[in-house]
N, C-alpha and C. Protein backbone atom coordinates (compact mmCIF):
# COMPACT_ATOMS: atom_id res chain seq x y z
N MET A 1 96.42 106.24 132.25
CA MET A 1 95.30 105.45 132.71
C MET A 1 94.92 104.44 131.64
N ASN A 2 94.74 103.21 132.06
CA ASN A 2 94.33 102.15 131.14
C ASN A 2 92.84 101.90 131.33
N LEU A 3 92.05 102.19 130.31
CA LEU A 3 90.60 102.06 130.42
C LEU A 3 90.12 100.62 130.50
N PHE A 4 90.97 99.67 130.19
CA PHE A 4 90.55 98.28 130.15
C PHE A 4 91.03 97.47 131.35
N ARG A 5 91.62 98.10 132.32
CA ARG A 5 92.04 97.40 133.53
C ARG A 5 90.81 97.07 134.36
N LEU A 6 90.85 95.93 135.01
CA LEU A 6 89.74 95.48 135.85
C LEU A 6 90.22 95.22 137.27
N ASP A 7 91.21 95.99 137.70
CA ASP A 7 91.79 95.78 139.03
C ASP A 7 90.72 95.73 140.11
N ASN A 8 90.73 94.63 140.85
CA ASN A 8 89.85 94.41 141.99
C ASN A 8 88.37 94.34 141.65
N LYS A 9 88.02 94.25 140.38
CA LYS A 9 86.63 93.99 140.00
C LYS A 9 86.39 92.50 140.19
N VAL A 10 85.22 92.14 140.66
CA VAL A 10 84.88 90.75 140.93
C VAL A 10 83.96 90.24 139.83
N ALA A 11 84.35 89.12 139.22
CA ALA A 11 83.59 88.57 138.10
C ALA A 11 83.24 87.11 138.33
N ILE A 12 82.03 86.74 137.92
CA ILE A 12 81.63 85.34 137.85
C ILE A 12 81.60 84.95 136.38
N ILE A 13 82.22 83.81 136.07
CA ILE A 13 82.18 83.29 134.70
C ILE A 13 81.61 81.89 134.73
N PRO A 14 80.31 81.74 134.43
CA PRO A 14 79.74 80.40 134.30
C PRO A 14 80.22 79.77 133.00
N GLY A 15 80.30 78.46 132.96
CA GLY A 15 80.79 77.79 131.76
C GLY A 15 82.27 78.02 131.54
N ALA A 16 82.99 78.25 132.62
CA ALA A 16 84.41 78.61 132.52
C ALA A 16 85.30 77.48 132.05
N ALA A 17 84.84 76.24 132.10
CA ALA A 17 85.68 75.12 131.68
C ALA A 17 85.72 74.97 130.16
N GLY A 18 84.82 75.62 129.46
CA GLY A 18 84.81 75.53 128.00
C GLY A 18 85.82 76.48 127.37
N ALA A 19 85.94 76.41 126.06
CA ALA A 19 86.95 77.20 125.35
C ALA A 19 86.73 78.70 125.51
N ILE A 20 85.52 79.18 125.30
CA ILE A 20 85.25 80.61 125.41
C ILE A 20 85.37 81.06 126.86
N GLY A 21 84.81 80.27 127.78
CA GLY A 21 84.88 80.62 129.19
C GLY A 21 86.29 80.67 129.72
N SER A 22 87.11 79.70 129.36
CA SER A 22 88.49 79.70 129.86
C SER A 22 89.31 80.84 129.26
N ALA A 23 89.09 81.15 127.99
CA ALA A 23 89.79 82.28 127.38
C ALA A 23 89.37 83.59 128.03
N THR A 24 88.08 83.71 128.33
CA THR A 24 87.58 84.91 129.00
C THR A 24 88.17 85.02 130.40
N ALA A 25 88.23 83.90 131.11
CA ALA A 25 88.81 83.90 132.46
C ALA A 25 90.27 84.36 132.42
N LYS A 26 91.02 83.85 131.48
CA LYS A 26 92.44 84.23 131.38
C LYS A 26 92.58 85.72 131.08
N LEU A 27 91.75 86.24 130.19
CA LEU A 27 91.81 87.66 129.83
C LEU A 27 91.44 88.55 131.01
N LEU A 28 90.33 88.23 131.68
CA LEU A 28 89.92 89.04 132.82
C LEU A 28 90.94 88.98 133.95
N PHE A 29 91.52 87.80 134.18
CA PHE A 29 92.55 87.65 135.20
C PHE A 29 93.77 88.52 134.86
N GLU A 30 94.19 88.49 133.59
CA GLU A 30 95.33 89.30 133.16
C GLU A 30 95.07 90.79 133.34
N GLN A 31 93.79 91.18 133.30
CA GLN A 31 93.43 92.59 133.46
C GLN A 31 93.17 92.96 134.92
N GLY A 32 93.40 92.02 135.84
CA GLY A 32 93.34 92.32 137.26
C GLY A 32 92.07 91.94 137.98
N ALA A 33 91.14 91.26 137.31
CA ALA A 33 89.88 90.89 137.96
C ALA A 33 90.08 89.75 138.96
N GLN A 34 89.25 89.75 139.97
CA GLN A 34 89.15 88.64 140.91
C GLN A 34 88.03 87.75 140.39
N LEU A 35 88.25 86.44 140.35
CA LEU A 35 87.34 85.56 139.63
C LEU A 35 86.73 84.46 140.47
N LEU A 36 85.46 84.18 140.17
CA LEU A 36 84.80 82.96 140.58
C LEU A 36 84.45 82.25 139.28
N LEU A 37 85.07 81.10 139.05
CA LEU A 37 84.85 80.32 137.84
C LEU A 37 83.89 79.19 138.16
N ALA A 38 82.82 79.08 137.38
CA ALA A 38 81.80 78.06 137.65
C ALA A 38 81.59 77.19 136.42
N ASP A 39 81.30 75.92 136.67
CA ASP A 39 81.01 75.00 135.58
C ASP A 39 80.41 73.73 136.16
N VAL A 40 79.71 72.97 135.33
CA VAL A 40 79.19 71.68 135.78
C VAL A 40 80.34 70.68 135.93
N SER A 41 81.45 70.92 135.25
CA SER A 41 82.63 70.06 135.36
C SER A 41 83.60 70.68 136.37
N PHE A 42 83.47 70.27 137.63
CA PHE A 42 84.30 70.87 138.67
C PHE A 42 85.78 70.60 138.46
N GLU A 43 86.13 69.40 138.02
CA GLU A 43 87.55 69.08 137.84
C GLU A 43 88.20 70.03 136.84
N LYS A 44 87.55 70.26 135.71
CA LYS A 44 88.12 71.15 134.69
C LYS A 44 88.20 72.59 135.17
N VAL A 45 87.13 73.06 135.81
CA VAL A 45 87.14 74.45 136.25
C VAL A 45 88.11 74.66 137.41
N SER A 46 88.27 73.64 138.24
CA SER A 46 89.24 73.71 139.33
C SER A 46 90.67 73.75 138.79
N ASP A 47 90.95 72.94 137.78
CA ASP A 47 92.27 72.96 137.15
C ASP A 47 92.57 74.33 136.56
N LEU A 48 91.58 74.93 135.90
CA LEU A 48 91.76 76.26 135.32
C LEU A 48 92.03 77.28 136.42
N ALA A 49 91.25 77.24 137.48
CA ALA A 49 91.43 78.19 138.58
C ALA A 49 92.83 78.09 139.17
N HIS A 50 93.29 76.87 139.43
CA HIS A 50 94.63 76.69 140.00
C HIS A 50 95.73 77.10 139.04
N SER A 51 95.49 76.98 137.74
CA SER A 51 96.50 77.39 136.76
C SER A 51 96.65 78.91 136.71
N LEU A 52 95.62 79.63 137.13
CA LEU A 52 95.68 81.09 137.12
C LEU A 52 96.29 81.62 138.41
N ASP A 53 95.69 81.24 139.55
CA ASP A 53 96.16 81.78 140.83
C ASP A 53 95.41 81.07 141.95
N SER A 54 96.04 80.95 143.08
CA SER A 54 95.39 80.28 144.21
C SER A 54 94.20 81.07 144.76
N LYS A 55 94.11 82.35 144.41
CA LYS A 55 93.01 83.19 144.89
C LYS A 55 91.77 83.11 143.99
N VAL A 56 91.88 82.46 142.84
CA VAL A 56 90.73 82.29 141.95
C VAL A 56 89.87 81.15 142.50
N LEU A 57 88.58 81.41 142.64
CA LEU A 57 87.66 80.40 143.17
C LEU A 57 87.08 79.55 142.06
N ALA A 58 86.88 78.28 142.35
CA ALA A 58 86.21 77.36 141.43
C ALA A 58 84.96 76.84 142.12
N LEU A 59 83.88 76.71 141.36
CA LEU A 59 82.61 76.28 141.92
C LEU A 59 81.91 75.36 140.93
N LYS A 60 81.42 74.23 141.43
CA LYS A 60 80.59 73.35 140.60
C LYS A 60 79.20 73.96 140.59
N ALA A 61 78.71 74.32 139.41
CA ALA A 61 77.39 74.95 139.32
C ALA A 61 76.78 74.69 137.95
N ASP A 62 75.49 74.45 137.97
CA ASP A 62 74.69 74.28 136.76
C ASP A 62 73.79 75.50 136.65
N PHE A 63 74.12 76.41 135.75
CA PHE A 63 73.41 77.68 135.66
C PHE A 63 72.03 77.56 135.02
N SER A 64 71.59 76.35 134.73
CA SER A 64 70.19 76.16 134.35
C SER A 64 69.32 76.03 135.59
N LEU A 65 69.95 75.96 136.76
CA LEU A 65 69.25 75.85 138.04
C LEU A 65 69.35 77.18 138.79
N VAL A 66 68.22 77.74 139.15
CA VAL A 66 68.20 79.01 139.87
C VAL A 66 69.01 78.90 141.16
N SER A 67 68.90 77.78 141.85
CA SER A 67 69.61 77.61 143.12
C SER A 67 71.13 77.69 142.93
N ASP A 68 71.64 77.15 141.83
CA ASP A 68 73.08 77.22 141.57
C ASP A 68 73.51 78.64 141.20
N CYS A 69 72.67 79.36 140.49
CA CYS A 69 72.96 80.77 140.17
C CYS A 69 73.05 81.58 141.46
N GLN A 70 72.07 81.38 142.34
CA GLN A 70 72.07 82.09 143.62
C GLN A 70 73.28 81.71 144.46
N ALA A 71 73.65 80.44 144.46
CA ALA A 71 74.81 80.00 145.23
C ALA A 71 76.09 80.65 144.72
N ALA A 72 76.22 80.80 143.41
CA ALA A 72 77.41 81.44 142.85
C ALA A 72 77.51 82.89 143.28
N VAL A 73 76.40 83.61 143.22
CA VAL A 73 76.40 85.02 143.65
C VAL A 73 76.71 85.11 145.14
N GLU A 74 76.09 84.26 145.94
CA GLU A 74 76.34 84.27 147.38
C GLU A 74 77.79 83.94 147.70
N THR A 75 78.37 82.98 147.00
CA THR A 75 79.77 82.61 147.22
C THR A 75 80.69 83.77 146.87
N ALA A 76 80.45 84.40 145.73
CA ALA A 76 81.30 85.53 145.31
C ALA A 76 81.20 86.69 146.29
N THR A 77 79.97 87.05 146.68
CA THR A 77 79.82 88.20 147.57
C THR A 77 80.35 87.90 148.97
N LYS A 78 80.21 86.66 149.42
CA LYS A 78 80.75 86.30 150.74
C LYS A 78 82.28 86.33 150.73
N HIS A 79 82.88 85.79 149.67
CA HIS A 79 84.34 85.70 149.61
C HIS A 79 85.00 87.03 149.26
N PHE A 80 84.46 87.72 148.24
CA PHE A 80 85.09 88.95 147.75
C PHE A 80 84.44 90.23 148.28
N GLY A 81 83.25 90.11 148.86
CA GLY A 81 82.58 91.28 149.40
C GLY A 81 81.62 91.97 148.45
N ARG A 82 81.60 91.56 147.20
CA ARG A 82 80.71 92.18 146.21
C ARG A 82 80.80 91.41 144.90
N LEU A 83 80.00 91.83 143.95
CA LEU A 83 80.04 91.27 142.59
C LEU A 83 79.90 92.42 141.62
N ASP A 84 80.83 92.54 140.67
CA ASP A 84 80.81 93.63 139.70
C ASP A 84 80.43 93.18 138.30
N ILE A 85 80.83 91.96 137.93
CA ILE A 85 80.71 91.52 136.53
C ILE A 85 80.15 90.10 136.49
N LEU A 86 79.21 89.88 135.59
CA LEU A 86 78.74 88.54 135.28
C LEU A 86 78.91 88.34 133.79
N ILE A 87 79.68 87.35 133.40
CA ILE A 87 79.83 87.01 131.99
C ILE A 87 78.81 85.92 131.67
N ASN A 88 77.81 86.25 130.87
CA ASN A 88 76.78 85.28 130.51
C ASN A 88 77.33 84.36 129.44
N ASN A 89 77.91 83.25 129.87
CA ASN A 89 78.64 82.37 128.98
C ASN A 89 78.02 80.98 128.87
N VAL A 90 76.79 80.83 129.28
CA VAL A 90 76.12 79.54 129.13
C VAL A 90 74.79 79.75 128.42
N GLY A 91 74.42 78.76 127.65
CA GLY A 91 73.13 78.80 126.99
C GLY A 91 72.23 77.75 127.59
N VAL A 92 71.03 78.14 127.92
CA VAL A 92 70.07 77.21 128.50
C VAL A 92 68.83 77.22 127.62
N CYS A 93 68.48 76.06 127.14
CA CYS A 93 67.31 75.95 126.28
C CYS A 93 66.48 74.76 126.75
N PRO A 94 65.24 75.02 127.14
CA PRO A 94 64.41 73.89 127.58
C PRO A 94 64.12 72.95 126.41
N ARG A 95 63.93 71.70 126.73
CA ARG A 95 63.61 70.71 125.70
C ARG A 95 62.12 70.78 125.38
N ILE A 96 61.83 71.42 124.26
CA ILE A 96 60.45 71.49 123.78
C ILE A 96 60.46 71.19 122.29
N PRO A 97 59.36 70.73 121.75
CA PRO A 97 59.32 70.45 120.32
C PRO A 97 59.50 71.74 119.51
N PHE A 98 59.99 71.58 118.30
CA PHE A 98 60.23 72.73 117.42
C PHE A 98 58.98 73.59 117.30
N SER A 99 57.83 72.97 117.25
CA SER A 99 56.58 73.73 117.10
C SER A 99 56.29 74.61 118.31
N GLY A 100 56.97 74.37 119.42
CA GLY A 100 56.77 75.17 120.61
C GLY A 100 57.53 76.49 120.62
N PHE A 101 58.47 76.67 119.70
CA PHE A 101 59.22 77.93 119.61
C PHE A 101 58.39 78.99 118.91
N HIS A 102 58.45 80.20 119.41
CA HIS A 102 57.71 81.32 118.80
C HIS A 102 58.66 82.44 118.47
């Protein structure tokens, strides 16, 4: 038994077009996960998805928007039937002055 296999686990990877996101996508795919790759750059994330497998989904999404987060979850659950893994691979920081940080 391989403890690190992810056969048929469904994962969403936001920010998948970046270096860390794409490396994570490749690793999870190699371990058997079914993937929904999301990024604000649809062309890049679509290219990555197609380079892995035709069954990997690509989605244009801005995870600083609640509506895009919800759309990603809805797309994954509708297509794959469930969601098992979310890789938190994006950083969102509101624009506030330094004095506003606590």
